[in-house]
Amino acid sequence: MEDIKIRRLGWAGHIIRMEEERITKKVLNGNIHTTRPVRRPRARWADVVQRDALQMLGIRGWRRRAENRDEWRGLMRRPRPGRGCSAIYEWMDRYIDTITSEELAASFFKAVEGDFRLS
């Protein structure tokens, strides 16, 4: 279920960055005026995306954030609670660009063994 939510968020970001005249973007932003039955309104796709953004990424205002592709990609790749190996992902994000390959290999094996400090 988590993968479905992440893919939905990725597709939503793609739609937000589309040109205004694309049909997909018009459907997302459009308000279709029809009569609706008297009961609780059905959830719209954008409402589900908003809920997923809050639940999975911990953010509000997903449309504004998704306009910046690099920022949105960073949010999508960020380790999330409940995912396997999240500690290793976090470790990689912090140290991958700052150390040599030998230091990277040594600290990776320490991380696997449970010691997350850089040697």
Protein backbone atom coordinates (compact mmCIF):
# COMPACT_ATOMS: atom_id res chain seq x y z
CA MET A 1 0.00 0.00 0.00
CA GLU A 2 2.89 2.37 0.77
CA ASP A 3 4.32 1.91 -2.73
CA ILE A 4 0.97 2.87 -4.24
CA LYS A 5 0.91 6.07 -2.21
CA ILE A 6 4.47 6.99 -3.17
CA ARG A 7 3.78 6.35 -6.86
CA ARG A 8 0.59 8.41 -6.64
CA LEU A 9 2.59 11.28 -5.11
CA GLY A 10 5.20 10.97 -7.86
CA TRP A 11 2.52 11.12 -10.55
CA ALA A 12 0.90 14.11 -8.82
CA GLY A 13 4.22 15.96 -8.91
CA HIS A 14 4.54 15.17 -12.60
CA ILE A 15 1.05 16.53 -13.30
CA ILE A 16 1.72 19.73 -11.33
CA ARG A 17 4.76 20.47 -13.50
CA MET A 18 2.86 19.88 -16.77
CA GLU A 19 1.93 22.71 -19.08
CA GLU A 20 -1.45 24.29 -18.34
CA GLU A 21 -3.04 23.21 -21.63
CA ARG A 22 -2.47 19.47 -21.03
CA ILE A 23 -5.72 17.61 -20.46
CA THR A 24 -4.40 15.80 -17.40
CA LYS A 25 -3.59 19.09 -15.68
CA LYS A 26 -6.94 20.58 -16.67
CA VAL A 27 -8.73 17.62 -15.09
CA LEU A 28 -6.72 17.94 -11.86
CA ASN A 29 -7.33 21.67 -11.55
CA GLY A 30 -10.79 21.79 -13.08
CA ASN A 31 -14.05 22.04 -11.24
CA ILE A 32 -16.71 19.97 -12.91
CA HIS A 33 -20.07 21.39 -11.99
CA THR A 34 -22.71 18.70 -11.77
CA THR A 35 -25.40 17.87 -9.31
CA ARG A 36 -24.32 15.48 -6.62
CA PRO A 37 -26.40 13.16 -4.53
CA VAL A 38 -27.27 14.23 -0.99
CA ARG A 39 -24.70 12.34 1.08
CA ARG A 40 -21.07 12.59 1.97
CA PRO A 41 -19.05 13.78 -1.06
CA ARG A 42 -16.77 11.24 -2.63
CA ALA A 43 -13.07 11.85 -2.14
CA ARG A 44 -11.42 13.52 -5.10
CA TRP A 45 -8.05 12.28 -6.34
CA ALA A 46 -6.40 15.54 -5.26
CA ASP A 47 -7.82 15.06 -1.75
CA VAL A 48 -6.28 11.60 -1.58
CA VAL A 49 -2.93 12.99 -2.76
CA GLN A 50 -3.12 15.69 -0.08
CA ARG A 51 -3.77 13.04 2.59
CA ASP A 52 -0.89 10.90 1.28
CA ALA A 53 1.49 13.88 1.27
CA LEU A 54 0.70 14.58 4.89
CA GLN A 55 0.86 10.93 5.95
CA MET A 56 3.88 9.79 3.93
CA LEU A 57 5.98 12.95 3.62
CA GLY A 58 4.74 14.98 6.57
CA ILE A 59 4.07 18.05 4.43
CA ARG A 60 1.18 20.37 3.71
CA GLY A 61 0.92 22.42 0.54
CA TRP A 62 2.07 19.62 -1.73
CA ARG A 63 1.24 21.51 -4.93
CA ARG A 64 3.73 24.30 -4.19
CA ARG A 65 6.44 21.83 -3.15
CA ALA A 66 5.86 19.62 -6.22
CA GLU A 67 6.47 22.54 -8.60
CA ASN A 68 10.17 22.33 -7.72
CA ARG A 69 11.22 18.99 -9.20
CA ASP A 70 14.46 18.67 -7.23
CA GLU A 71 12.77 19.40 -3.91
CA TRP A 72 9.92 16.99 -4.70
CA ARG A 73 12.36 14.26 -5.72
CA GLY A 74 14.27 14.77 -2.47
CA LEU A 75 11.06 14.43 -0.47
CA MET A 76 10.11 11.28 -2.34
CA ARG A 77 13.50 9.65 -1.71
CA ARG A 78 13.74 10.67 1.94
CA PRO A 79 13.66 7.76 4.41
CA ARG A 80 10.23 7.34 5.94
CA PRO A 81 9.27 5.76 9.26
CA GLY A 82 8.30 2.14 8.99
CA ARG A 83 10.36 1.39 5.90
CA GLY A 84 13.02 -1.28 6.04
CA CYS A 85 16.63 -0.14 6.16
CA SER A 86 15.65 3.44 6.96
CA ALA A 87 18.68 3.82 9.22
CA ILE A 88 20.99 2.83 6.37
CA TYR A 89 19.24 5.24 3.98
CA GLU A 90 19.65 8.02 6.51
CA TRP A 91 23.31 7.15 6.98
CA MET A 92 23.90 7.16 3.21
CA ASP A 93 22.26 10.56 2.74
CA ARG A 94 24.46 12.11 5.41
CA TYR A 95 27.84 10.68 4.48
CA ILE A 96 27.90 9.60 0.85
CA ASP A 97 29.17 12.92 -0.52
CA THR A 98 31.55 13.77 2.30
CA ILE A 99 33.90 10.78 2.62
CA THR A 100 36.25 8.64 0.52
CA SER A 101 35.22 5.24 -0.78
CA GLU A 102 37.38 3.44 1.81
CA GLU A 103 35.77 5.39 4.65
CA LEU A 104 32.37 4.75 3.08
CA ALA A 105 32.92 0.99 3.01
CA ALA A 106 34.25 0.90 6.59
CA SER A 107 31.41 2.97 8.04
CA PHE A 108 28.82 1.00 6.04
CA PHE A 109 29.86 -2.23 7.72
CA LYS A 110 29.74 -0.53 11.11
CA ALA A 111 26.23 0.71 10.29
CA VAL A 112 25.11 -2.79 9.39
CA GLU A 113 26.45 -4.00 12.73
CA GLY A 114 24.54 -1.25 14.56
CA ASP A 115 27.23 1.40 15.13
CA PHE A 116 26.10 4.44 13.13
CA ARG A 117 29.09 6.67 13.91
CA LEU A 118 31.52 7.58 11.18
CA SER A 119 35.01 6.19 11.85
